[in-house]
Protein backbone atom coordinates (compact mmCIF):
# COMPACT_ATOMS: atom_id res chain seq x y z
CA UNK A 1 12.23 -96.64 -115.76
CA UNK A 2 15.43 -97.96 -117.27
CA UNK A 3 16.11 -99.95 -120.45
CA UNK A 4 19.06 -101.56 -122.19
CA UNK A 5 20.82 -101.39 -125.53
CA UNK A 6 20.56 -104.41 -127.83
CA UNK A 7 23.13 -107.16 -127.22
CA UNK A 8 24.41 -110.37 -128.87
CA UNK A 9 24.59 -108.44 -132.13
CA UNK A 10 27.50 -110.62 -133.25
CA UNK A 11 24.97 -113.44 -133.60
CA UNK A 12 22.31 -111.38 -135.37
CA UNK A 13 22.81 -107.70 -136.24
CA UNK A 14 19.01 -107.29 -136.50
CA UNK A 15 18.42 -108.01 -132.81
CA UNK A 16 16.46 -105.42 -130.89
CA UNK A 17 15.91 -105.02 -127.16
CA UNK A 18 12.30 -104.48 -126.04
CA UNK A 19 13.42 -102.82 -122.81
CA UNK A 20 15.26 -100.17 -124.81
CA UNK A 21 12.34 -99.80 -127.18
CA UNK A 22 10.05 -99.34 -124.18
CA UNK A 23 12.30 -96.75 -122.58
CA UNK A 24 12.48 -94.77 -125.83
CA UNK A 25 8.73 -94.98 -126.43
CA UNK A 26 7.58 -94.09 -122.92
CA UNK A 27 10.06 -91.38 -121.96
CA UNK A 28 8.17 -88.20 -121.10
CA UNK A 29 4.74 -89.77 -121.48
CA UNK A 30 1.98 -89.20 -118.94
CA UNK A 31 -0.27 -91.91 -117.53
CA UNK A 32 -3.43 -91.45 -115.53
CA UNK A 33 -3.54 -92.94 -112.05
CA UNK A 34 -6.02 -92.88 -109.19
CA UNK A 35 -4.01 -90.02 -107.66
CA UNK A 36 -3.71 -88.02 -110.86
CA UNK A 37 -1.24 -87.82 -113.73
CA UNK A 38 2.19 -89.44 -113.48
CA UNK A 39 5.06 -88.68 -115.83
CA UNK A 40 7.40 -91.47 -116.92
CA UNK A 41 11.09 -90.61 -117.16
CA UNK A 42 13.51 -93.16 -118.57
CA UNK A 43 17.22 -93.86 -118.93
CA UNK A 44 19.13 -96.20 -121.25
CA UNK A 45 22.12 -98.26 -120.14
CA UNK A 46 24.87 -99.96 -122.14
CA UNK A 47 25.37 -103.71 -121.92
CA UNK A 48 28.90 -103.43 -120.51
CA UNK A 49 30.26 -104.69 -117.22
CA UNK A 50 32.77 -101.83 -116.89
CA UNK A 51 30.14 -99.08 -116.93
CA UNK A 52 28.30 -100.74 -114.07
CA UNK A 53 31.48 -101.25 -112.04
CA UNK A 54 32.20 -97.55 -112.57
CA UNK A 55 28.94 -96.64 -110.81
CA UNK A 56 26.89 -95.52 -113.81
CA UNK A 57 23.64 -96.89 -112.35
CA UNK A 58 24.09 -95.21 -108.98
CA UNK A 59 25.11 -91.87 -110.51
CA UNK A 60 22.07 -91.87 -112.78
CA UNK A 61 19.50 -92.88 -110.17
CA UNK A 62 20.72 -91.37 -106.88
CA UNK A 63 19.43 -87.81 -107.54
CA UNK A 64 15.95 -89.07 -108.44
CA UNK A 65 15.03 -92.02 -106.22
CA UNK A 66 14.15 -89.80 -103.23
CA UNK A 67 11.76 -87.82 -105.47
CA UNK A 68 9.91 -90.46 -107.51
CA UNK A 69 6.74 -92.40 -106.68
CA UNK A 70 8.00 -95.67 -108.19
CA UNK A 71 10.90 -97.02 -110.22
CA UNK A 72 11.51 -100.13 -112.27
CA UNK A 73 14.45 -101.44 -114.18
CA UNK A 74 13.45 -103.34 -117.32
CA UNK A 75 15.26 -105.88 -119.50
CA UNK A 76 14.57 -108.64 -122.00
CA UNK A 77 13.85 -111.99 -120.39
CA UNK A 78 12.23 -115.16 -121.65
CA UNK A 79 10.08 -116.02 -124.64
CA UNK A 80 6.37 -115.33 -124.34
CA UNK A 81 6.16 -114.02 -120.78
CA UNK A 82 6.79 -111.17 -118.37
CA UNK A 83 8.48 -111.80 -115.03
CA UNK A 84 8.38 -109.54 -112.00
CA UNK A 85 11.65 -110.55 -110.37
CA UNK A 86 11.30 -111.00 -106.63
CA UNK A 87 14.99 -111.24 -105.65
CA UNK A 88 18.28 -109.91 -107.05
CA UNK A 89 21.71 -111.43 -106.40
CA UNK A 90 25.18 -109.98 -105.86
CA UNK A 91 26.89 -112.12 -108.50
CA UNK A 92 28.21 -111.63 -112.03
CA UNK A 93 28.01 -114.83 -114.02
CA UNK A 94 30.52 -113.99 -116.73
CA UNK A 95 28.45 -113.87 -119.92
CA UNK A 96 30.25 -111.63 -122.45
CA UNK A 97 29.04 -108.05 -122.76
CA UNK A 98 28.94 -105.80 -125.82
CA UNK A 99 32.72 -105.39 -125.65
CA UNK A 100 33.00 -109.20 -125.55
CA UNK A 101 34.35 -108.88 -122.01
CA UNK A 102 33.44 -111.41 -119.31
CA UNK A 103 33.27 -110.84 -115.56
CA UNK A 104 32.71 -113.59 -113.01
CA UNK A 105 32.77 -112.09 -109.52
CA UNK A 106 30.75 -110.51 -106.75
CA UNK A 107 28.99 -107.39 -108.01
CA UNK A 108 31.46 -104.58 -107.21
CA UNK A 109 29.83 -101.80 -105.18
CA UNK A 110 30.88 -98.98 -102.89
CA UNK A 111 31.26 -100.08 -99.24
CA UNK A 112 31.49 -103.81 -99.93
CA UNK A 113 31.71 -104.51 -96.20
CA UNK A 114 27.99 -103.73 -95.88
CA UNK A 115 26.99 -105.36 -99.17
CA UNK A 116 24.13 -107.88 -98.92
CA UNK A 117 24.03 -111.03 -101.02
CA UNK A 118 20.40 -110.38 -101.94
CA UNK A 119 17.99 -107.50 -102.43
CA UNK A 120 14.24 -107.71 -102.92
CA UNK A 121 11.58 -106.01 -104.99
CA UNK A 122 9.19 -103.58 -103.37
CA UNK A 123 6.99 -103.42 -106.44
CA UNK A 124 3.40 -104.49 -105.71
CA UNK A 125 3.99 -107.75 -107.55
CA UNK A 126 0.74 -109.42 -106.49
CA UNK A 127 -1.32 -106.62 -108.01
CA UNK A 128 0.79 -106.57 -111.18
CA UNK A 129 0.51 -110.32 -111.70
CA UNK A 130 -3.25 -110.34 -111.01
CA UNK A 131 -4.08 -107.48 -113.38
CA UNK A 132 -5.10 -107.88 -117.04
CA UNK A 133 -2.31 -105.79 -118.54
CA UNK A 134 -1.97 -107.37 -121.99
CA UNK A 135 -1.64 -110.52 -124.06
CA UNK A 136 1.54 -111.86 -122.43
CA UNK A 137 1.22 -113.72 -119.10
CA UNK A 138 2.92 -112.07 -116.11
CA UNK A 139 4.62 -114.13 -113.40
CA UNK A 140 5.85 -113.50 -109.86
CA UNK A 141 9.28 -115.06 -110.39
CA UNK A 142 10.89 -116.26 -107.16
CA UNK A 143 13.61 -118.68 -108.27
CA UNK A 144 17.27 -118.01 -107.39
CA UNK A 145 20.53 -119.95 -107.42
CA UNK A 146 22.57 -119.90 -104.22
CA UNK A 147 25.40 -121.57 -102.38
CA UNK A 148 23.69 -122.47 -99.08
CA UNK A 149 25.30 -121.49 -95.80
CA UNK A 150 27.98 -124.07 -95.13
CA UNK A 151 27.68 -125.47 -98.66
CA UNK A 152 30.18 -125.64 -101.49
CA UNK A 153 28.11 -125.81 -104.65
CA UNK A 154 25.22 -123.92 -106.27
CA UNK A 155 21.64 -124.98 -105.56
CA UNK A 156 18.51 -123.78 -107.38
CA UNK A 157 15.84 -122.56 -104.95
CA UNK A 158 12.37 -122.12 -106.46
CA UNK A 159 11.11 -120.01 -103.56
CA UNK A 160 13.99 -117.61 -103.03
CA UNK A 161 17.23 -117.63 -101.04
CA UNK A 162 17.78 -119.28 -97.70
CA UNK A 163 19.36 -117.58 -94.68
CA UNK A 164 23.09 -116.97 -94.91
CA UNK A 165 23.43 -118.14 -98.51
CA UNK A 166 25.76 -116.74 -101.17
CA UNK A 167 24.24 -115.51 -104.42
CA UNK A 168 24.98 -117.16 -107.74
CA UNK A 169 21.90 -115.95 -109.67
CA UNK A 170 18.96 -113.75 -108.82
CA UNK A 171 15.52 -114.21 -110.29
CA UNK A 172 16.78 -112.33 -113.32
CA UNK A 173 19.90 -114.49 -113.66
CA UNK A 174 23.47 -113.25 -113.23
CA UNK A 175 23.92 -110.95 -116.21
CA UNK A 176 23.50 -107.17 -116.36
CA UNK A 177 19.71 -107.30 -116.03
CA UNK A 178 20.12 -108.83 -112.60
CA UNK A 179 22.91 -106.40 -111.80
CA UNK A 180 20.95 -103.25 -112.63
CA UNK A 181 18.09 -104.55 -110.49
CA UNK A 182 20.49 -105.35 -107.67
CA UNK A 183 22.21 -101.96 -107.85
CA UNK A 184 18.96 -99.97 -108.06
CA UNK A 185 17.33 -101.77 -105.14
CA UNK A 186 20.52 -101.67 -103.05
CA UNK A 187 20.68 -97.92 -103.66
CA UNK A 188 17.01 -97.66 -102.60
CA UNK A 189 17.84 -99.46 -99.38
CA UNK A 190 21.00 -97.46 -98.66
CA UNK A 191 18.99 -94.27 -99.10
CA UNK A 192 16.57 -95.51 -96.43
CA UNK A 193 13.68 -95.88 -98.90
CA UNK A 194 12.95 -99.62 -98.68
CA UNK A 195 9.67 -99.17 -96.83
CA UNK A 196 8.44 -96.13 -98.74
CA UNK A 197 9.51 -96.52 -102.38
CA UNK A 198 8.13 -99.25 -104.67
CA UNK A 199 10.86 -100.47 -106.96
CA UNK A 200 12.23 -103.56 -108.64
CA UNK A 201 12.77 -105.30 -111.96
CA UNK A 202 10.54 -106.39 -114.83
CA UNK A 203 11.69 -108.86 -117.48
CA UNK A 204 9.87 -108.50 -120.80
CA UNK A 205 9.27 -111.25 -123.34
CA UNK A 206 11.93 -111.76 -126.00
CA UNK A 207 11.19 -109.51 -128.97
CA UNK A 208 10.77 -112.07 -131.74
CA UNK A 209 10.58 -111.89 -135.49
CA UNK A 210 7.73 -113.55 -137.35
CA UNK A 211 7.83 -117.14 -138.58
CA UNK A 212 10.00 -117.44 -141.64
CA UNK A 213 12.13 -114.41 -140.71
CA UNK A 214 14.57 -116.04 -138.33
CA UNK A 215 17.69 -116.40 -140.49
CA UNK A 216 20.13 -113.51 -139.84
CA UNK A 217 21.67 -113.96 -143.29
CA UNK A 218 18.47 -113.72 -145.30
CA UNK A 219 15.88 -112.19 -142.98
CA UNK A 220 14.49 -108.67 -143.00
CA UNK A 221 15.08 -106.18 -140.20
CA UNK A 222 11.37 -106.04 -139.39
CA UNK A 223 8.07 -107.72 -140.22
CA UNK A 224 4.42 -107.37 -139.13
CA UNK A 225 4.78 -109.86 -136.25
CA UNK A 226 7.93 -108.13 -134.99
CA UNK A 227 6.13 -104.78 -134.97
CA UNK A 228 3.09 -106.27 -133.24
CA UNK A 229 5.28 -107.84 -130.55
CA UNK A 230 7.15 -104.60 -129.94
CA UNK A 231 4.00 -102.48 -129.74
CA UNK A 232 2.28 -104.98 -127.43
CA UNK A 233 5.28 -105.25 -125.09
CA UNK A 234 5.56 -101.47 -124.78
CA UNK A 235 1.83 -101.14 -124.10
CA UNK A 236 1.91 -103.89 -121.51
CA UNK A 237 4.84 -102.35 -119.63
CA UNK A 238 2.93 -99.07 -119.55
CA UNK A 239 -0.13 -100.89 -118.18
CA UNK A 240 1.97 -102.70 -115.55
CA UNK A 241 3.44 -99.41 -114.36
CA UNK A 242 -0.06 -97.93 -114.13
CA UNK A 243 -1.23 -100.89 -112.04
CA UNK A 244 1.81 -100.56 -109.79
CA UNK A 245 1.18 -96.86 -109.19
CA UNK A 246 -2.46 -97.50 -108.32
CA UNK A 247 -1.67 -100.40 -105.99
CA UNK A 248 -0.68 -100.29 -102.37
CA UNK A 249 2.99 -100.96 -101.50
CA UNK A 250 4.31 -104.50 -101.60
CA UNK A 251 2.67 -106.75 -98.97
């Protein structure tokens, strides 16, 4: 499981990242599955385009993907919901990173000649969505943005990409959350593990402060609602991973 550092700290220095909190909380923990105990190992990634272009994701994951039972990249998504992202796109949308650097380009990878525009989850998303894992709703998120084959402009597709299209946003957008999902699943596929290794991306809810604690200038760094949200998100990710391990591969 991977998580991210906080980002957009220039807007609010108090901002946390629930994916990073989850990675820190669950690293080394053991969950019980139908096939016995499973140990969760995690890694944290910086919110910087350059590190990804330098191959940090592939270097971190390549030694372990052939040995694990399941993997998931995790990042902060939308308010009040989890999304299991169905499709990842090979496009960087340019939003500034934690060095205030922007990149708008095709995701740079080794062997670009064989690079696909899209990769897909192999997480058992139907089982994850159907399970009662916690208080936040969980969605099978299929929307992407593409330039259709023969087209010139971006089109939003609610049900995933069409044949021959060019990626402009995966289900997880076109920032580093989409990119880590794209890189991890592309590595899975290039290692010949697409049909045997469940893996993909989970977007958590935004980690919100309580009502009345939203002003960066006057607010506190934590409050009871913030703590409740963080604890519940971590517990629900753990439950989702347990469901995924107990489920059959993606159908």
